[in-house]
Amino acid sequence: ASVLSSVQADLFITGEMSHHEVLDAVAKGTSVILSDHSNSERG
């Protein structure tokens, strides 16, 4: 979230974001995909 929060994009992909961070992204029209933290790295 700290890296993505100010970015304009159609979609965010990360491991985890807090409830309110997701709400902020959604309000801007950005969809969010969360995989859980280490699942975004392990591959």
All heavy atoms as atom14 arrays in JSON, in Angstrom:
{
  "sequence": "ASVLSSVQADLFITGEMSHHEVLDAVAKGTSVILSDHSNSERG",
  "atom14_mask": [
    [1, 1, 1, 1, 1, 0, 0, 0, 0, 0, 0, 0, 0, 0],
    [1, 1, 1, 1, 1, 1, 0, 0, 0, 0, 0, 0, 0, 0],
    [1, 1, 1, 1, 1, 1, 1, 0, 0, 0, 0, 0, 0, 0],
    [1, 1, 1, 1, 1, 1, 1, 1, 0, 0, 0, 0, 0, 0],
    [1, 1, 1, 1, 1, 1, 0, 0, 0, 0, 0, 0, 0, 0],
    [1, 1, 1, 1, 1, 1, 0, 0, 0, 0, 0, 0, 0, 0],
    [1, 1, 1, 1, 1, 1, 1, 0, 0, 0, 0, 0, 0, 0],
    [1, 1, 1, 1, 1, 1, 1, 1, 1, 0, 0, 0, 0, 0],
    [1, 1, 1, 1, 1, 0, 0, 0, 0, 0, 0, 0, 0, 0],
    [1, 1, 1, 1, 1, 1, 1, 1, 0, 0, 0, 0, 0, 0],
    [1, 1, 1, 1, 1, 1, 1, 1, 0, 0, 0, 0, 0, 0],
    [1, 1, 1, 1, 1, 1, 1, 1, 1, 1, 1, 0, 0, 0],
    [1, 1, 1, 1, 1, 1, 1, 1, 0, 0, 0, 0, 0, 0],
    [1, 1, 1, 1, 1, 1, 1, 0, 0, 0, 0, 0, 0, 0],
    [1, 1, 1, 1, 0, 0, 0, 0, 0, 0, 0, 0, 0, 0],
    [1, 1, 1, 1, 1, 1, 1, 1, 1, 0, 0, 0, 0, 0],
    [1, 1, 1, 1, 1, 1, 1, 1, 0, 0, 0, 0, 0, 0],
    [1, 1, 1, 1, 1, 1, 0, 0, 0, 0, 0, 0, 0, 0],
    [1, 1, 1, 1, 1, 1, 1, 1, 1, 1, 0, 0, 0, 0],
    [1, 1, 1, 1, 1, 1, 1, 1, 1, 1, 0, 0, 0, 0],
    [1, 1, 1, 1, 1, 1, 1, 1, 1, 0, 0, 0, 0, 0],
    [1, 1, 1, 1, 1, 1, 1, 0, 0, 0, 0, 0, 0, 0],
    [1, 1, 1, 1, 1, 1, 1, 1, 0, 0, 0, 0, 0, 0],
    [1, 1, 1, 1, 1, 1, 1, 1, 0, 0, 0, 0, 0, 0],
    [1, 1, 1, 1, 1, 0, 0, 0, 0, 0, 0, 0, 0, 0],
    [1, 1, 1, 1, 1, 1, 1, 0, 0, 0, 0, 0, 0, 0],
    [1, 1, 1, 1, 1, 0, 0, 0, 0, 0, 0, 0, 0, 0],
    [1, 1, 1, 1, 1, 1, 1, 1, 1, 0, 0, 0, 0, 0],
    [1, 1, 1, 1, 0, 0, 0, 0, 0, 0, 0, 0, 0, 0],
    [1, 1, 1, 1, 1, 1, 1, 0, 0, 0, 0, 0, 0, 0],
    [1, 1, 1, 1, 1, 1, 0, 0, 0, 0, 0, 0, 0, 0],
    [1, 1, 1, 1, 1, 1, 1, 0, 0, 0, 0, 0, 0, 0],
    [1, 1, 1, 1, 1, 1, 1, 1, 0, 0, 0, 0, 0, 0],
    [1, 1, 1, 1, 1, 1, 1, 1, 0, 0, 0, 0, 0, 0],
    [1, 1, 1, 1, 1, 1, 0, 0, 0, 0, 0, 0, 0, 0],
    [1, 1, 1, 1, 1, 1, 1, 1, 0, 0, 0, 0, 0, 0],
    [1, 1, 1, 1, 1, 1, 1, 1, 1, 1, 0, 0, 0, 0],
    [1, 1, 1, 1, 1, 1, 0, 0, 0, 0, 0, 0, 0, 0],
    [1, 1, 1, 1, 1, 1, 1, 1, 0, 0, 0, 0, 0, 0],
    [1, 1, 1, 1, 1, 1, 0, 0, 0, 0, 0, 0, 0, 0],
    [1, 1, 1, 1, 1, 1, 1, 1, 1, 0, 0, 0, 0, 0],
    [1, 1, 1, 1, 1, 1, 1, 1, 1, 1, 1, 0, 0, 0],
    [1, 1, 1, 1, 0, 0, 0, 0, 0, 0, 0, 0, 0, 0]
  ],
  "atom14_positions": [
    [[0.8, -1.21, 0.0], [0.0, 0.0, 0.0], [0.84, 1.27, 0.0], [0.5, 2.25, -0.66], [-0.95, 0.0, 1.19], [0.0, 0.0, 0.0], [0.0, 0.0, 0.0], [0.0, 0.0, 0.0], [0.0, 0.0, 0.0], [0.0, 0.0, 0.0], [0.0, 0.0, 0.0], [0.0, 0.0, 0.0], [0.0, 0.0, 0.0], [0.0, 0.0, 0.0]],
    [[1.95, 1.28, 0.74], [2.75, 2.5, 0.84], [3.35, 2.89, -0.5], [3.58, 4.07, -0.78], [3.87, 2.33, 1.87], [4.74, 1.27, 1.49], [0.0, 0.0, 0.0], [0.0, 0.0, 0.0], [0.0, 0.0, 0.0], [0.0, 0.0, 0.0], [0.0, 0.0, 0.0], [0.0, 0.0, 0.0], [0.0, 0.0, 0.0], [0.0, 0.0, 0.0]],
    [[3.6, 1.9, -1.36], [4.17, 2.17, -2.68], [3.07, 2.48, -3.69], [3.24, 3.31, -4.6], [5.0, 0.96, -3.17], [5.48, 1.16, -4.6], [6.19, 0.74, -2.23], [0.0, 0.0, 0.0], [0.0, 0.0, 0.0], [0.0, 0.0, 0.0], [0.0, 0.0, 0.0], [0.0, 0.0, 0.0], [0.0, 0.0, 0.0], [0.0, 0.0, 0.0]],
    [[1.9, 1.84, -3.54], [0.84, 1.95, -4.54], [-0.13, 3.11, -4.31], [-0.82, 3.52, -5.24], [0.02, 0.63, -4.56], [0.78, -0.64, -4.9], [-0.15, -1.85, -4.74], [1.35, -0.59, -6.3], [0.0, 0.0, 0.0], [0.0, 0.0, 0.0], [0.0, 0.0, 0.0], [0.0, 0.0, 0.0], [0.0, 0.0, 0.0], [0.0, 0.0, 0.0]],
    [[-0.2, 3.63, -3.1], [-1.29, 4.53, -2.72], [-1.46, 5.75, -3.62], [-2.59, 6.19, -3.86], [-1.11, 4.98, -1.27], [0.12, 5.68, -1.11], [0.0, 0.0, 0.0], [0.0, 0.0, 0.0], [0.0, 0.0, 0.0], [0.0, 0.0, 0.0], [0.0, 0.0, 0.0], [0.0, 0.0, 0.0], [0.0, 0.0, 0.0], [0.0, 0.0, 0.0]],
    [[-0.38, 6.3, -4.13], [-0.48, 7.52, -4.94], [-0.48, 7.25, -6.44], [-0.43, 8.18, -7.24], [0.68, 8.47, -4.6], [1.93, 7.85, -4.9], [0.0, 0.0, 0.0], [0.0, 0.0, 0.0], [0.0, 0.0, 0.0], [0.0, 0.0, 0.0], [0.0, 0.0, 0.0], [0.0, 0.0, 0.0], [0.0, 0.0, 0.0], [0.0, 0.0, 0.0]],
    [[-0.57, 5.98, -6.82], [-0.46, 5.6, -8.23], [-1.84, 5.55, -8.88], [-2.81, 5.09, -8.28], [0.22, 4.21, -8.36], [0.31, 3.78, -9.81], [1.6, 4.24, -7.72], [0.0, 0.0, 0.0], [0.0, 0.0, 0.0], [0.0, 0.0, 0.0], [0.0, 0.0, 0.0], [0.0, 0.0, 0.0], [0.0, 0.0, 0.0], [0.0, 0.0, 0.0]],
    [[-1.92, 6.04, -10.12], [-3.14, 5.92, -10.91], [-3.04, 4.68, -11.79], [-2.14, 4.58, -12.63], [-3.31, 7.17, -11.79], [-3.57, 8.47, -11.02], [-4.94, 8.49, -10.37], [-5.9, 7.92, -10.89], [-5.04, 9.15, -9.23], [0.0, 0.0, 0.0], [0.0, 0.0, 0.0], [0.0, 0.0, 0.0], [0.0, 0.0, 0.0], [0.0, 0.0, 0.0]],
    [[-3.93, 3.71, -11.58], [-3.92, 2.48, -12.37], [-5.3, 1.85, -12.31], [-6.09, 2.11, -11.39], [-2.87, 1.51, -11.84], [0.0, 0.0, 0.0], [0.0, 0.0, 0.0], [0.0, 0.0, 0.0], [0.0, 0.0, 0.0], [0.0, 0.0, 0.0], [0.0, 0.0, 0.0], [0.0, 0.0, 0.0], [0.0, 0.0, 0.0], [0.0, 0.0, 0.0]],
    [[-5.59, 1.01, -13.3], [-6.87, 0.3, -13.31], [-6.9, -0.81, -12.28], [-7.97, -1.18, -11.78], [-7.13, -0.31, -14.7], [-7.21, 0.74, -15.79], [-7.82, 1.8, -15.55], [-6.66, 0.5, -16.88], [0.0, 0.0, 0.0], [0.0, 0.0, 0.0], [0.0, 0.0, 0.0], [0.0, 0.0, 0.0], [0.0, 0.0, 0.0], [0.0, 0.0, 0.0]],
    [[-5.7, -1.34, -11.95], [-5.63, -2.51, -11.07], [-4.39, -2.45, -10.21], [-3.3, -2.11, -10.69], [-5.59, -3.78, -11.93], [-5.46, -5.12, -11.2], [-6.7, -5.4, -10.36], [-5.24, -6.25, -12.22], [0.0, 0.0, 0.0], [0.0, 0.0, 0.0], [0.0, 0.0, 0.0], [0.0, 0.0, 0.0], [0.0, 0.0, 0.0], [0.0, 0.0, 0.0]],
    [[-4.56, -2.75, -8.92], [-3.44, -2.94, -8.0], [-3.31, -4.44, -7.73], [-4.31, -5.13, -7.5], [-3.68, -2.25, -6.65], [-3.54, -0.75, -6.68], [-3.93, 0.0, -5.56], [-3.04, -0.08, -7.77], [-3.81, 1.38, -5.55], [-2.92, 1.31, -7.78], [-3.31, 2.04, -6.67], [0.0, 0.0, 0.0], [0.0, 0.0, 0.0], [0.0, 0.0, 0.0]],
    [[-2.07, -4.93, -7.71], [-1.8, -6.33, -7.34], [-0.73, -6.33, -6.27], [0.37, -5.79, -6.47], [-1.33, -7.16, -8.55], [-2.38, -7.17, -9.66], [-1.01, -8.59, -8.11], [-1.92, -7.83, -10.94], [0.0, 0.0, 0.0], [0.0, 0.0, 0.0], [0.0, 0.0, 0.0], [0.0, 0.0, 0.0], [0.0, 0.0, 0.0], [0.0, 0.0, 0.0]],
    [[-1.04, -6.91, -5.12], [-0.08, -6.98, -4.03], [-0.46, -8.15, -3.13], [-1.45, -8.85, -3.38], [-0.02, -5.65, -3.24], [1.04, -5.72, -2.28], [-1.33, -5.36, -2.53], [0.0, 0.0, 0.0], [0.0, 0.0, 0.0], [0.0, 0.0, 0.0], [0.0, 0.0, 0.0], [0.0, 0.0, 0.0], [0.0, 0.0, 0.0], [0.0, 0.0, 0.0]],
    [[0.33, -8.37, -2.09], [0.03, -9.46, -1.17], [-1.05, -9.11, -0.18], [-2.01, -9.85, 0.02], [0.0, 0.0, 0.0], [0.0, 0.0, 0.0], [0.0, 0.0, 0.0], [0.0, 0.0, 0.0], [0.0, 0.0, 0.0], [0.0, 0.0, 0.0], [0.0, 0.0, 0.0], [0.0, 0.0, 0.0], [0.0, 0.0, 0.0], [0.0, 0.0, 0.0]],
    [[-0.89, -7.94, 0.45], [-1.86, -7.53, 1.47], [-1.97, -6.02, 1.54], [-1.02, -5.29, 1.28], [-1.45, -8.09, 2.84], [-0.08, -7.61, 3.32], [0.3, -8.15, 4.68], [-0.62, -8.45, 5.48], [1.5, -8.26, 4.96], [0.0, 0.0, 0.0], [0.0, 0.0, 0.0], [0.0, 0.0, 0.0], [0.0, 0.0, 0.0], [0.0, 0.0, 0.0]],
    [[-3.18, -5.57, 1.88], [-3.47, -4.17, 2.17], [-4.48, -4.15, 3.3], [-5.26, -5.09, 3.45], [-4.05, -3.44, 0.94], [-3.07, -3.27, -0.21], [-3.84, -2.66, -1.74], [-4.37, -1.01, -1.24], [0.0, 0.0, 0.0], [0.0, 0.0, 0.0], [0.0, 0.0, 0.0], [0.0, 0.0, 0.0], [0.0, 0.0, 0.0], [0.0, 0.0, 0.0]],
    [[-4.48, -3.08, 4.09], [-5.46, -2.98, 5.17], [-6.84, -2.68, 4.59], [-6.98, -2.26, 3.43], [-5.06, -1.88, 6.14], [-5.32, -0.6, 5.58], [0.0, 0.0, 0.0], [0.0, 0.0, 0.0], [0.0, 0.0, 0.0], [0.0, 0.0, 0.0], [0.0, 0.0, 0.0], [0.0, 0.0, 0.0], [0.0, 0.0, 0.0], [0.0, 0.0, 0.0]],
    [[-7.85, -2.89, 5.39], [-9.24, -2.63, 4.98], [-9.4, -1.21, 4.43], [-9.98, -1.0, 3.36], [-10.15, -2.84, 6.2], [-11.57, -2.45, 5.98], [-12.45, -3.19, 5.23], [-12.28, -1.37, 6.43], [-13.64, -2.61, 5.22], [-13.55, -1.5, 5.94], [0.0, 0.0, 0.0], [0.0, 0.0, 0.0], [0.0, 0.0, 0.0], [0.0, 0.0, 0.0]],
    [[-8.88, -0.23, 5.16], [-9.07, 1.17, 4.76], [-8.23, 1.52, 3.53], [-8.63, 2.37, 2.73], [-8.75, 2.09, 5.93], [-9.7, 1.93, 7.07], [-10.99, 2.39, 7.03], [-9.56, 1.3, 8.26], [-11.61, 2.09, 8.16], [-10.76, 1.43, 8.93], [0.0, 0.0, 0.0], [0.0, 0.0, 0.0], [0.0, 0.0, 0.0], [0.0, 0.0, 0.0]],
    [[-7.08, 0.88, 3.38], [-6.28, 1.1, 2.17], [-7.0, 0.56, 0.93], [-6.97, 1.18, -0.14], [-4.91, 0.44, 2.33], [-4.02, 1.14, 3.36], [-2.85, 0.29, 3.81], [-2.86, -0.93, 3.58], [-1.93, 0.86, 4.43], [0.0, 0.0, 0.0], [0.0, 0.0, 0.0], [0.0, 0.0, 0.0], [0.0, 0.0, 0.0], [0.0, 0.0, 0.0]],
    [[-7.68, -0.57, 1.08], [-8.47, -1.11, -0.03], [-9.62, -0.18, -0.36], [-9.9, 0.12, -1.53], [-8.99, -2.52, 0.31], [-9.98, -3.0, -0.76], [-7.84, -3.51, 0.44], [0.0, 0.0, 0.0], [0.0, 0.0, 0.0], [0.0, 0.0, 0.0], [0.0, 0.0, 0.0], [0.0, 0.0, 0.0], [0.0, 0.0, 0.0], [0.0, 0.0, 0.0]],
    [[-10.3, 0.33, 0.67], [-11.41, 1.26, 0.45], [-10.94, 2.52, -0.3], [-11.65, 3.03, -1.18], [-12.04, 1.67, 1.78], [-12.86, 0.6, 2.51], [-13.38, 1.15, 3.83], [-14.01, 0.11, 1.65], [0.0, 0.0, 0.0], [0.0, 0.0, 0.0], [0.0, 0.0, 0.0], [0.0, 0.0, 0.0], [0.0, 0.0, 0.0], [0.0, 0.0, 0.0]],
    [[-9.77, 3.02, 0.04], [-9.24, 4.21, -0.64], [-9.02, 3.93, -2.12], [-9.33, 4.76, -2.98], [-7.91, 4.63, 0.01], [-8.09, 5.26, 1.37], [-9.22, 5.7, 1.67], [-7.11, 5.3, 2.14], [0.0, 0.0, 0.0], [0.0, 0.0, 0.0], [0.0, 0.0, 0.0], [0.0, 0.0, 0.0], [0.0, 0.0, 0.0], [0.0, 0.0, 0.0]],
    [[-8.45, 2.75, -2.43], [-8.2, 2.41, -3.83], [-9.51, 2.25, -4.59], [-9.67, 2.77, -5.7], [-7.39, 1.11, -3.9], [0.0, 0.0, 0.0], [0.0, 0.0, 0.0], [0.0, 0.0, 0.0], [0.0, 0.0, 0.0], [0.0, 0.0, 0.0], [0.0, 0.0, 0.0], [0.0, 0.0, 0.0], [0.0, 0.0, 0.0], [0.0, 0.0, 0.0]],
    [[-10.46, 1.53, -3.99], [-11.75, 1.29, -4.64], [-12.48, 2.61, -4.93], [-13.09, 2.78, -5.99], [-12.61, 0.37, -3.75], [-14.07, 0.36, -4.21], [-12.05, -1.05, -3.76], [0.0, 0.0, 0.0], [0.0, 0.0, 0.0], [0.0, 0.0, 0.0], [0.0, 0.0, 0.0], [0.0, 0.0, 0.0], [0.0, 0.0, 0.0], [0.0, 0.0, 0.0]],
    [[-12.41, 3.55, -3.99], [-13.09, 4.84, -4.18], [-12.55, 5.6, -5.37], [-13.26, 6.4, -5.99], [-12.95, 5.68, -2.91], [0.0, 0.0, 0.0], [0.0, 0.0, 0.0], [0.0, 0.0, 0.0], [0.0, 0.0, 0.0], [0.0, 0.0, 0.0], [0.0, 0.0, 0.0], [0.0, 0.0, 0.0], [0.0, 0.0, 0.0], [0.0, 0.0, 0.0]],
    [[-11.28, 5.35, -5.74], [-10.67, 6.0, -6.9], [-10.94, 5.24, -8.19], [-10.43, 5.61, -9.25], [-9.16, 6.14, -6.68], [-8.78, 7.06, -5.54], [-7.28, 7.3, -5.48], [-6.5, 6.05, -5.16], [-5.04, 6.32, -5.0], [0.0, 0.0, 0.0], [0.0, 0.0, 0.0], [0.0, 0.0, 0.0], [0.0, 0.0, 0.0], [0.0, 0.0, 0.0]],
    [[-11.7, 4.14, -8.1], [-12.0, 3.36, -9.29], [-10.97, 2.3, -9.61], [-11.01, 1.69, -10.68], [0.0, 0.0, 0.0], [0.0, 0.0, 0.0], [0.0, 0.0, 0.0], [0.0, 0.0, 0.0], [0.0, 0.0, 0.0], [0.0, 0.0, 0.0], [0.0, 0.0, 0.0], [0.0, 0.0, 0.0], [0.0, 0.0, 0.0], [0.0, 0.0, 0.0]],
    [[-10.05, 2.05, -8.69], [-9.0, 1.05, -8.89], [-9.41, -0.28, -8.27], [-9.74, -0.32, -7.08], [-7.67, 1.51, -8.27], [-7.25, 2.73, -8.88], [-6.59, 0.46, -8.45], [0.0, 0.0, 0.0], [0.0, 0.0, 0.0], [0.0, 0.0, 0.0], [0.0, 0.0, 0.0], [0.0, 0.0, 0.0], [0.0, 0.0, 0.0], [0.0, 0.0, 0.0]],
    [[-9.39, -1.33, -9.04], [-9.65, -2.67, -8.51], [-8.38, -3.19, -7.83], [-7.26, -2.79, -8.18], [-10.09, -3.62, -9.62], [-11.3, -3.17, -10.22], [0.0, 0.0, 0.0], [0.0, 0.0, 0.0], [0.0, 0.0, 0.0], [0.0, 0.0, 0.0], [0.0, 0.0, 0.0], [0.0, 0.0, 0.0], [0.0, 0.0, 0.0], [0.0, 0.0, 0.0]],
    [[-8.57, -4.09, -6.87], [-7.45, -4.6, -6.08], [-7.48, -6.12, -6.04], [-8.52, -6.72, -5.75], [-7.5, -4.06, -4.63], [-6.35, -4.63, -3.81], [-7.46, -2.53, -4.62], [0.0, 0.0, 0.0], [0.0, 0.0, 0.0], [0.0, 0.0, 0.0], [0.0, 0.0, 0.0], [0.0, 0.0, 0.0], [0.0, 0.0, 0.0], [0.0, 0.0, 0.0]],
    [[-6.35, -6.74, -6.34], [-6.17, -8.19, -6.19], [-5.15, -8.42, -5.08], [-4.04, -7.89, -5.13], [-5.68, -8.85, -7.5], [-6.79, -8.85, -8.55], [-5.22, -10.28, -7.22], [-6.35, -9.44, -9.89], [0.0, 0.0, 0.0], [0.0, 0.0, 0.0], [0.0, 0.0, 0.0], [0.0, 0.0, 0.0], [0.0, 0.0, 0.0], [0.0, 0.0, 0.0]],
    [[-5.56, -9.21, -4.08], [-4.68, -9.57, -2.97], [-4.47, -11.07, -2.96], [-5.41, -11.85, -3.09], [-5.28, -9.13, -1.63], [-5.59, -7.64, -1.46], [-6.21, -7.38, -0.08], [-4.34, -6.8, -1.64], [0.0, 0.0, 0.0], [0.0, 0.0, 0.0], [0.0, 0.0, 0.0], [0.0, 0.0, 0.0], [0.0, 0.0, 0.0], [0.0, 0.0, 0.0]],
    [[-3.21, -11.49, -2.77], [-2.87, -12.92, -2.8], [-2.49, -13.47, -1.43], [-2.27, -14.67, -1.29], [-1.7, -13.15, -3.76], [-0.54, -12.5, -3.27], [0.0, 0.0, 0.0], [0.0, 0.0, 0.0], [0.0, 0.0, 0.0], [0.0, 0.0, 0.0], [0.0, 0.0, 0.0], [0.0, 0.0, 0.0], [0.0, 0.0, 0.0], [0.0, 0.0, 0.0]],
    [[-2.4, -12.62, -0.41], [-1.75, -12.84, 0.88], [-0.24, -12.67, 0.67], [0.29, -12.93, -0.4], [-2.09, -14.19, 1.51], [-3.51, -14.19, 2.09], [-3.99, -13.11, 2.47], [-4.12, -15.27, 2.14], [0.0, 0.0, 0.0], [0.0, 0.0, 0.0], [0.0, 0.0, 0.0], [0.0, 0.0, 0.0], [0.0, 0.0, 0.0], [0.0, 0.0, 0.0]],
    [[0.4, -12.2, 1.74], [1.72, -11.59, 1.65], [2.74, -12.42, 0.86], [3.21, -12.02, -0.21], [2.25, -11.32, 3.06], [3.48, -10.49, 3.1], [3.5, -9.19, 3.57], [4.76, -10.75, 2.71], [4.72, -8.69, 3.47], [5.51, -9.63, 2.95], [0.0, 0.0, 0.0], [0.0, 0.0, 0.0], [0.0, 0.0, 0.0], [0.0, 0.0, 0.0]],
    [[3.1, -13.58, 1.39], [4.22, -14.3, 0.77], [3.86, -14.97, -0.55], [4.75, -15.32, -1.33], [4.79, -15.34, 1.75], [3.86, -16.38, 1.99], [0.0, 0.0, 0.0], [0.0, 0.0, 0.0], [0.0, 0.0, 0.0], [0.0, 0.0, 0.0], [0.0, 0.0, 0.0], [0.0, 0.0, 0.0], [0.0, 0.0, 0.0], [0.0, 0.0, 0.0]],
    [[2.56, -15.13, -0.82], [2.15, -15.71, -2.11], [2.5, -14.79, -3.27], [2.58, -15.24, -4.42], [0.65, -16.0, -2.12], [0.29, -17.17, -1.22], [1.1, -18.07, -1.01], [-0.91, -17.15, -0.68], [0.0, 0.0, 0.0], [0.0, 0.0, 0.0], [0.0, 0.0, 0.0], [0.0, 0.0, 0.0], [0.0, 0.0, 0.0], [0.0, 0.0, 0.0]],
    [[2.68, -13.51, -2.99], [3.06, -12.57, -4.06], [4.55, -12.59, -4.33], [5.03, -11.92, -5.24], [2.62, -11.15, -3.68], [3.34, -10.67, -2.55], [0.0, 0.0, 0.0], [0.0, 0.0, 0.0], [0.0, 0.0, 0.0], [0.0, 0.0, 0.0], [0.0, 0.0, 0.0], [0.0, 0.0, 0.0], [0.0, 0.0, 0.0], [0.0, 0.0, 0.0]],
    [[5.31, -13.36, -3.54], [6.78, -13.36, -3.63], [7.36, -14.75, -3.93], [8.37, -14.87, -4.63], [7.36, -12.89, -2.29], [6.83, -11.55, -1.82], [6.93, -11.34, -0.32], [6.99, -12.35, 0.43], [6.94, -10.19, 0.11], [0.0, 0.0, 0.0], [0.0, 0.0, 0.0], [0.0, 0.0, 0.0], [0.0, 0.0, 0.0], [0.0, 0.0, 0.0]],
    [[6.71, -15.79, -3.4], [7.31, -17.12, -3.36], [7.67, -17.66, -4.74], [8.69, -18.35, -4.91], [6.37, -18.08, -2.63], [6.93, -19.48, -2.42], [6.09, -20.31, -1.48], [6.21, -19.82, -0.11], [5.3, -19.05, 0.49], [4.21, -18.69, -0.14], [5.5, -18.64, 1.72], [0.0, 0.0, 0.0], [0.0, 0.0, 0.0], [0.0, 0.0, 0.0]],
    [[6.84, -17.39, -5.74], [7.09, -17.93, -7.07], [8.4, -17.48, -7.69], [8.95, -18.15, -8.57], [0.0, 0.0, 0.0], [0.0, 0.0, 0.0], [0.0, 0.0, 0.0], [0.0, 0.0, 0.0], [0.0, 0.0, 0.0], [0.0, 0.0, 0.0], [0.0, 0.0, 0.0], [0.0, 0.0, 0.0], [0.0, 0.0, 0.0], [0.0, 0.0, 0.0]]
  ]
}
